[in-house]
Amino acid sequence: MSDEAPTPAPSQAARAMMSAFPRAGRRVEHAYAELDLAGGGGMLEQQNALGDPRLLARPWDPATCVDPQLRAEIWRWLEQVVTWLNHEYVWDADAMIPSCWPSHPHLVHELAVLADLRRRAGLGLTADGLEEWHRYALPAFADRMRQRMSQHCQEAGHQAWPAKSRHARHTAEAAVQERAAVQHADLGTLTAPAAMSPTPVWHGRSTQPQLQIIDGPGPDLET
């Protein structure tokens, strides 16, 4: 009787047990490199060449990626990440990220952050970052997704936004004006500070200690 492990069938041998986290595209990695330089990883000349760091694209916040080619790479990367997550981490169908995820802004925002955290964890020299991602980031995202989706878009495809009518009322002109009136009334209760206000006085005396010259003999320096 042989102690060797049985040879797997060709279909099993050709399929890896797990797949690697998708790598971001060249433009996305370039955006990360610029952020690393601005964050202190580069020389002063390099940081100055980048300009205002507040204007740099941040892949974890897709709205800041205004270059069309960079934004396209963000979409491709997130598409790969979602496919990877659904295959590698989802067993129960209720936990699947729906195929219409690009039509849900809340999912796009969260997936970009989740992908960024997973990328950073994968670059670590220890398993600490990846363990935190497994323990906190991924479960928290899954819980929020299930709470917000509430079985929508799971079986019958993408569903209309349930809160659309309430959002329309919120942004209606009458509602905007009503909120503006309340805010204006609050501002009316405030008094604008004087340009050069004098030192506050309490009962005729300054609230700040001051030295004064008084008549009579001077102080006894010996005591």
Protein backbone atom coordinates (compact mmCIF):
# COMPACT_ATOMS: atom_id res chain seq x y z
CA MET A 1 0.00 0.00 0.00
CA SER A 2 1.50 3.33 -1.04
CA ASP A 3 1.79 6.27 1.37
CA GLU A 4 1.72 8.80 -1.44
CA ALA A 5 -1.20 11.19 -1.67
CA PRO A 6 -3.66 10.38 -4.45
CA THR A 7 -3.17 12.30 -7.65
CA PRO A 8 -6.00 14.82 -8.06
CA ALA A 9 -8.17 14.77 -11.12
CA PRO A 10 -7.01 17.09 -13.92
CA SER A 11 -9.89 19.50 -13.32
CA GLN A 12 -8.88 19.85 -9.66
CA ALA A 13 -5.16 20.11 -10.33
CA ALA A 14 -5.65 22.92 -12.83
CA ARG A 15 -7.63 25.05 -10.40
CA ALA A 16 -5.88 26.95 -7.62
CA MET A 17 -7.43 26.59 -4.19
CA MET A 18 -7.47 30.36 -3.73
CA SER A 19 -6.79 33.38 -5.89
CA ALA A 20 -4.63 36.41 -5.18
CA PHE A 21 -6.03 39.83 -4.39
CA PRO A 22 -6.38 41.82 -7.65
CA ARG A 23 -3.60 44.27 -8.35
CA ALA A 24 -4.50 47.85 -9.15
CA GLY A 25 -3.62 49.33 -12.53
CA ARG A 26 -0.61 51.44 -13.37
CA ARG A 27 -2.38 54.78 -12.93
CA VAL A 28 -3.86 53.76 -9.60
CA GLU A 29 -0.44 52.68 -8.35
CA HIS A 30 0.99 55.99 -9.58
CA ALA A 31 -1.64 57.83 -7.53
CA TYR A 32 -0.59 55.84 -4.47
CA ALA A 33 3.07 56.63 -5.16
CA GLU A 34 2.33 60.36 -5.26
CA LEU A 35 0.48 60.12 -1.95
CA ASP A 36 3.43 58.30 -0.40
CA LEU A 37 5.78 61.07 -1.57
CA ALA A 38 3.47 63.80 -0.25
CA GLY A 39 3.15 61.99 3.07
CA GLY A 40 6.86 62.27 3.77
CA GLY A 41 8.25 59.45 1.67
CA GLY A 42 9.93 61.78 -0.80
CA MET A 43 12.43 64.60 -0.84
CA LEU A 44 11.32 68.19 -0.41
CA GLU A 45 11.80 68.88 -4.12
CA GLN A 46 9.53 65.96 -5.01
CA GLN A 47 6.87 67.09 -2.57
CA ASN A 48 6.97 70.63 -3.96
CA ALA A 49 6.63 69.29 -7.50
CA LEU A 50 3.37 67.57 -6.53
CA GLY A 51 1.74 70.88 -5.61
CA ASP A 52 -1.07 71.12 -3.09
CA PRO A 53 -1.40 67.66 -1.51
CA ARG A 54 -5.08 68.30 -0.86
CA LEU A 55 -5.66 68.08 -4.63
CA LEU A 56 -4.02 64.68 -5.10
CA ALA A 57 -6.22 61.80 -6.23
CA ARG A 58 -7.06 59.34 -3.48
CA PRO A 59 -8.09 55.91 -4.83
CA TRP A 60 -10.04 55.11 -1.65
CA ASP A 61 -12.23 58.13 -2.44
CA PRO A 62 -13.17 57.72 -6.13
CA ALA A 63 -14.75 61.17 -6.34
CA THR A 64 -11.27 62.69 -5.99
CA CYS A 65 -10.04 60.78 -9.06
CA VAL A 66 -11.15 63.29 -11.69
CA ASP A 67 -8.80 62.14 -14.44
CA PRO A 68 -10.98 60.01 -16.79
CA GLN A 69 -8.32 57.35 -17.36
CA LEU A 70 -7.59 57.06 -13.65
CA ARG A 71 -11.32 56.85 -12.86
CA ALA A 72 -11.69 54.10 -15.47
CA GLU A 73 -8.91 52.13 -13.79
CA ILE A 74 -10.61 52.59 -10.42
CA TRP A 75 -13.81 51.08 -11.85
CA ARG A 76 -11.93 48.14 -13.37
CA TRP A 77 -10.07 47.48 -10.14
CA LEU A 78 -13.21 47.59 -8.00
CA GLU A 79 -14.94 45.24 -10.45
CA GLN A 80 -12.12 42.75 -9.99
CA VAL A 81 -12.15 43.22 -6.22
CA VAL A 82 -15.91 42.57 -5.99
CA THR A 83 -15.60 39.39 -8.08
CA TRP A 84 -12.71 38.30 -5.87
CA LEU A 85 -14.60 39.01 -2.64
CA ASN A 86 -17.71 37.17 -3.77
CA HIS A 87 -15.64 34.12 -4.70
CA GLU A 88 -13.13 34.03 -1.87
CA TYR A 89 -15.16 35.18 1.13
CA VAL A 90 -18.86 34.55 0.49
CA TRP A 91 -20.56 31.24 1.21
CA ASP A 92 -24.09 32.33 2.08
CA ALA A 93 -25.89 33.88 -0.87
CA ASP A 94 -27.28 36.65 1.34
CA ALA A 95 -23.75 37.98 1.79
CA MET A 96 -23.08 38.33 -1.95
CA ILE A 97 -22.29 41.81 -3.19
CA PRO A 98 -25.02 42.39 -5.80
CA SER A 99 -24.04 42.59 -9.46
CA CYS A 100 -25.59 46.07 -9.65
CA TRP A 101 -23.15 47.45 -7.05
CA PRO A 102 -22.00 50.36 -9.33
CA SER A 103 -25.58 51.68 -9.15
CA HIS A 104 -25.35 51.95 -5.36
CA PRO A 105 -23.17 54.93 -4.31
CA HIS A 106 -22.96 53.66 -0.73
CA LEU A 107 -21.40 50.41 -1.95
CA VAL A 108 -18.97 52.20 -4.25
CA HIS A 109 -17.75 54.41 -1.40
CA GLU A 110 -17.30 51.47 0.95
CA LEU A 111 -15.76 49.10 -1.58
CA ALA A 112 -13.10 51.64 -2.49
CA VAL A 113 -12.07 51.90 1.17
CA LEU A 114 -12.23 48.13 1.64
CA ALA A 115 -10.01 47.58 -1.41
CA ASP A 116 -7.54 50.20 -0.21
CA LEU A 117 -7.27 48.62 3.24
CA ARG A 118 -6.80 45.15 1.73
CA ARG A 119 -4.09 46.44 -0.61
CA ARG A 120 -2.22 48.06 2.30
CA ALA A 121 -2.57 44.95 4.44
CA GLY A 122 -1.10 42.85 1.64
CA LEU A 123 1.97 45.09 1.52
CA GLY A 124 2.73 44.61 5.20
CA LEU A 125 5.78 42.71 6.41
CA THR A 126 3.69 40.98 9.08
CA ALA A 127 0.19 39.51 9.19
CA ASP A 128 -1.11 42.17 11.60
CA GLY A 129 -2.75 44.36 8.98
CA LEU A 130 -4.40 41.44 7.22
CA GLU A 131 -5.68 40.04 10.51
CA GLU A 132 -7.28 43.41 11.30
CA TRP A 133 -8.84 43.48 7.84
CA HIS A 134 -10.32 40.02 8.42
CA ARG A 135 -11.44 40.83 11.95
CA TYR A 136 -12.85 44.34 11.51
CA ALA A 137 -12.98 45.82 8.00
CA LEU A 138 -14.52 42.94 6.05
CA PRO A 139 -17.16 41.84 8.61
CA ALA A 140 -18.18 45.45 9.30
CA PHE A 141 -18.63 46.08 5.57
CA ALA A 142 -20.70 42.91 5.16
CA ASP A 143 -22.94 43.83 8.10
CA ARG A 144 -23.54 47.36 6.82
CA MET A 145 -24.25 46.08 3.32
CA ARG A 146 -26.86 43.61 4.55
CA GLN A 147 -28.48 46.27 6.71
CA ARG A 148 -28.66 48.85 3.92
CA MET A 149 -29.61 46.50 1.10
CA SER A 150 -32.30 44.72 3.14
CA GLN A 151 -32.81 41.97 0.52
CA HIS A 152 -33.10 44.46 -2.34
CA CYS A 153 -31.36 43.60 -5.63
CA GLN A 154 -30.66 40.01 -4.55
CA GLU A 155 -33.00 37.92 -6.69
CA ALA A 156 -34.86 40.09 -9.20
CA GLY A 157 -31.95 42.30 -10.24
CA HIS A 158 -31.47 45.96 -9.48
CA GLN A 159 -34.39 47.60 -7.71
CA ALA A 160 -35.38 51.25 -7.73
CA TRP A 161 -34.01 53.34 -4.88
CA PRO A 162 -36.57 52.93 -2.05
CA ALA A 163 -35.68 56.31 -0.54
CA LYS A 164 -35.86 58.19 -3.84
CA SER A 165 -39.15 59.96 -3.09
CA ARG A 166 -37.95 61.11 0.33
CA HIS A 167 -34.70 62.37 -1.15
CA ALA A 168 -36.72 64.29 -3.74
CA ARG A 169 -38.74 65.94 -0.97
CA HIS A 170 -35.54 66.75 0.89
CA THR A 171 -34.03 68.54 -2.11
CA ALA A 172 -37.27 70.26 -3.19
CA GLU A 173 -37.13 74.06 -3.28
CA ALA A 174 -39.72 74.47 -0.52
CA ALA A 175 -37.78 72.20 1.85
CA VAL A 176 -34.50 73.93 1.03
CA GLN A 177 -36.02 77.35 1.76
CA GLU A 178 -37.56 76.12 5.01
CA ARG A 179 -34.23 74.85 6.28
CA ALA A 180 -32.50 78.04 5.17
CA ALA A 181 -35.04 80.12 7.15
CA VAL A 182 -34.37 78.12 10.33
CA GLN A 183 -30.62 78.49 9.86
CA HIS A 184 -30.97 82.23 9.22
CA ALA A 185 -33.06 82.64 12.37
CA ASP A 186 -30.36 80.91 14.39
CA LEU A 187 -27.71 83.24 12.99
CA GLY A 188 -29.87 86.18 14.03
CA THR A 189 -29.46 85.24 17.69
CA LEU A 190 -25.71 85.80 17.50
CA THR A 191 -23.97 89.11 18.07
CA ALA A 192 -21.02 89.88 15.86
CA PRO A 193 -17.88 90.49 17.94
CA ALA A 194 -16.51 94.00 17.94
CA ALA A 195 -13.45 94.58 15.80
CA MET A 196 -11.35 95.84 18.73
CA SER A 197 -13.09 94.86 21.94
CA PRO A 198 -11.62 96.35 25.13
CA THR A 199 -10.32 94.19 27.91
CA PRO A 200 -13.33 92.72 29.78
CA VAL A 201 -14.07 94.53 33.02
CA TRP A 202 -15.81 93.08 36.06
CA HIS A 203 -17.18 95.46 38.66
CA GLY A 204 -15.04 98.23 37.30
CA ARG A 205 -11.82 96.24 37.41
CA SER A 206 -9.97 94.47 34.62
CA THR A 207 -10.20 90.70 34.54
CA GLN A 208 -6.48 90.59 33.79
CA PRO A 209 -3.97 91.22 36.61
CA GLN A 210 -2.12 94.51 36.15
CA LEU A 211 0.71 96.28 37.94
CA GLN A 212 -0.12 99.82 39.05
CA ILE A 213 1.96 102.72 40.40
CA ILE A 214 0.55 104.06 43.65
CA ASP A 215 1.33 107.20 45.63
CA GLY A 216 3.24 107.00 48.87
CA PRO A 217 6.43 105.26 49.84
CA GLY A 218 7.71 102.62 47.50
CA PRO A 219 7.72 98.92 48.29
CA ASP A 220 10.08 97.56 50.90
CA LEU A 221 12.54 95.58 48.82
CA GLU A 222 14.05 93.95 51.91
CA THR A 223 10.75 92.20 52.79
